[in-house]
Amino acid sequence: METEITDTVSRVCEIKLTEEELAERSQRMSEKKLKQTELEGKAKEIAKNFKTEIDGLDLEVGSLAKIIKNKAENRSLDCIRFYHTPTQGRTCVVRPDTGERLDERDMTDGEKKDYELRRLKAKEQELPVMPEKLEEPPKKIEGKRKGKAA
């Protein structure tokens, strides 16, 4: 009889785990699941931060698009308040760059008192006082525009 010749080859076969091996695999799975949950939480937080940043940029782009379309924007502008104008007991606010009347209404008691205090102070310091009555606010007041970008 001829001698049987053999060698070793590897194959993947199912092997039953011992209790120790099963416990070790369970521990590894638990650690991996915790790490996975932690990374998913970080990914959600990063995505949330990016979403917030993207939304902010979207608002800014929308605002700029509106400004460009309108060729104008709202800015703070130091305007002139006239007391007792256009009639006694009324006040109006005028843009210094265009002379446009922005607001006209009855004076409040506080504004009337403020006006009287300003008149007294101006008399003491010999400063010029705005006229009691102004038929029409100036159409344009020359000088530097004091608007500030919003």
Protein backbone atom coordinates (compact mmCIF):
# COMPACT_ATOMS: atom_id res chain seq x y z
CA MET A 1 0.00 0.00 0.00
CA GLU A 2 1.12 3.37 -0.90
CA THR A 3 1.79 6.04 1.70
CA GLU A 4 -0.90 8.58 1.97
CA ILE A 5 0.33 12.11 1.30
CA THR A 6 -1.42 14.93 3.10
CA ASP A 7 -0.94 18.59 3.76
CA THR A 8 -2.84 21.27 5.64
CA VAL A 9 -5.28 23.72 4.09
CA SER A 10 -7.30 26.37 5.85
CA ARG A 11 -11.04 26.58 5.63
CA VAL A 12 -13.51 28.75 7.51
CA CYS A 13 -15.58 26.52 9.73
CA GLU A 14 -18.06 27.19 12.53
CA ILE A 15 -16.52 26.51 15.91
CA LYS A 16 -18.49 26.63 19.14
CA LEU A 17 -17.18 29.28 21.56
CA THR A 18 -16.22 28.55 25.11
CA GLU A 19 -17.93 30.53 27.90
CA GLU A 20 -14.77 32.65 28.28
CA GLU A 21 -14.63 33.43 24.54
CA LEU A 22 -18.32 34.31 24.52
CA ALA A 23 -17.85 36.67 27.50
CA GLU A 24 -14.86 38.35 25.79
CA ARG A 25 -16.82 38.86 22.54
CA SER A 26 -19.75 40.31 24.49
CA GLN A 27 -17.43 42.76 26.25
CA ARG A 28 -15.87 43.85 22.92
CA MET A 29 -19.31 44.29 21.34
CA SER A 30 -20.44 46.46 24.27
CA GLU A 31 -17.34 48.67 24.01
CA LYS A 32 -17.76 49.04 20.22
CA LYS A 33 -21.46 49.91 20.59
CA LEU A 34 -20.63 52.61 23.16
CA LYS A 35 -17.97 54.05 20.85
CA GLN A 36 -20.41 53.96 17.91
CA THR A 37 -23.09 55.78 19.94
CA GLU A 38 -20.54 58.39 21.07
CA LEU A 39 -19.39 59.03 17.47
CA GLU A 40 -22.97 59.25 16.21
CA GLY A 41 -23.69 61.87 18.90
CA LYS A 42 -20.62 63.87 17.89
CA ALA A 43 -21.61 63.62 14.21
CA LYS A 44 -25.11 64.91 15.01
CA GLU A 45 -23.69 67.81 17.03
CA ILE A 46 -21.27 68.72 14.23
CA ALA A 47 -24.09 68.49 11.66
CA LYS A 48 -26.27 70.68 13.90
CA ASN A 49 -23.48 73.27 14.17
CA PHE A 50 -22.99 73.27 10.40
CA LYS A 51 -26.76 73.56 9.87
CA THR A 52 -26.87 76.58 12.20
CA GLU A 53 -23.97 78.20 10.37
CA ILE A 54 -25.49 77.43 6.96
CA ASP A 55 -28.88 78.84 8.06
CA GLY A 56 -27.14 82.02 9.26
CA LEU A 57 -25.40 82.41 5.90
CA ASP A 58 -28.70 81.77 4.12
CA LEU A 59 -30.33 84.63 6.07
CA GLU A 60 -27.43 86.95 5.32
CA VAL A 61 -27.46 86.08 1.62
CA GLY A 62 -31.23 86.70 1.52
CA SER A 63 -30.79 90.06 3.22
CA LEU A 64 -28.00 91.08 0.83
CA ALA A 65 -30.07 89.97 -2.17
CA LYS A 66 -32.93 92.21 -1.02
CA ILE A 67 -30.53 95.15 -0.55
CA ILE A 68 -29.06 94.64 -4.02
CA LYS A 69 -32.52 94.29 -5.59
CA ASN A 70 -33.78 97.46 -3.88
CA LYS A 71 -30.46 99.29 -4.37
CA ALA A 72 -30.95 100.64 -0.83
CA GLU A 73 -30.67 99.57 2.80
CA ASN A 74 -31.87 100.83 6.15
CA ARG A 75 -29.25 102.63 8.24
CA SER A 76 -29.22 104.72 11.36
CA LEU A 77 -29.22 108.42 10.44
CA ASP A 78 -29.07 111.41 12.79
CA CYS A 79 -32.17 113.42 11.88
CA ILE A 80 -33.37 116.86 12.96
CA ARG A 81 -36.36 117.24 15.25
CA PHE A 82 -38.22 120.53 14.92
CA TYR A 83 -40.33 121.68 17.88
CA HIS A 84 -43.65 123.48 17.34
CA THR A 85 -43.45 122.71 13.64
CA PRO A 86 -45.34 122.94 11.37
CA THR A 87 -47.70 124.45 13.96
CA GLN A 88 -47.65 125.24 17.67
CA GLY A 89 -47.71 122.02 19.75
CA ARG A 90 -46.58 119.80 16.86
CA THR A 91 -43.18 118.27 16.17
CA CYS A 92 -41.65 116.83 13.04
CA VAL A 93 -38.50 114.88 12.25
CA VAL A 94 -36.64 115.65 9.03
CA ARG A 95 -33.90 113.76 7.19
CA PRO A 96 -30.89 116.07 6.86
CA ASP A 97 -29.74 114.56 3.56
CA THR A 98 -33.04 114.81 1.65
CA GLY A 99 -35.22 117.15 3.70
CA GLU A 100 -37.89 114.45 3.78
CA ARG A 101 -40.34 114.66 6.68
CA LEU A 102 -40.25 111.28 8.45
CA ASP A 103 -42.63 111.94 11.31
CA GLU A 104 -45.14 114.61 12.27
CA ARG A 105 -47.30 114.45 15.39
CA ASP A 106 -48.47 116.27 18.51
CA MET A 107 -45.70 117.00 21.01
CA THR A 108 -45.74 115.05 24.25
CA ASP A 109 -45.64 116.86 27.59
CA GLY A 110 -42.06 115.66 27.98
CA GLU A 111 -41.06 117.15 24.63
CA LYS A 112 -42.70 120.47 25.54
CA LYS A 113 -40.73 120.56 28.82
CA ASP A 114 -37.54 119.53 27.01
CA TYR A 115 -38.07 122.34 24.48
CA GLU A 116 -38.54 124.94 27.24
CA LEU A 117 -35.39 123.73 29.07
CA ARG A 118 -33.41 123.97 25.81
CA ARG A 119 -34.70 127.50 25.22
CA LEU A 120 -33.68 128.59 28.74
CA LYS A 121 -30.25 127.00 28.43
CA ALA A 122 -29.71 128.56 25.00
CA LYS A 123 -30.65 132.01 26.35
CA GLU A 124 -28.21 131.60 29.26
CA GLN A 125 -25.40 130.61 26.92
CA GLU A 126 -26.51 133.01 24.19
CA LEU A 127 -26.84 130.16 21.73
CA PRO A 128 -29.10 130.38 18.69
CA VAL A 129 -32.50 128.77 19.15
CA MET A 130 -34.45 126.99 16.45
CA PRO A 131 -37.38 129.08 15.27
CA GLU A 132 -40.71 128.54 17.03
CA LYS A 133 -42.39 127.91 13.72
CA LEU A 134 -41.05 126.57 10.47
CA GLU A 135 -43.41 126.78 7.52
CA GLU A 136 -41.58 124.08 5.56
CA PRO A 137 -38.54 122.07 6.63
CA PRO A 138 -35.50 122.59 4.44
CA LYS A 139 -35.49 120.57 1.26
CA LYS A 140 -31.84 119.68 1.70
CA ILE A 141 -29.34 120.48 4.39
CA GLU A 142 -25.79 120.54 3.08
CA GLY A 143 -23.17 118.66 5.01
CA LYS A 144 -21.76 115.25 5.65
CA ARG A 145 -24.22 112.35 5.90
CA LYS A 146 -24.00 110.74 9.30
CA GLY A 147 -25.55 107.36 8.44
CA LYS A 148 -24.08 104.19 9.86
CA ALA A 149 -24.29 100.81 8.16
CA ALA A 150 -26.75 98.47 9.82
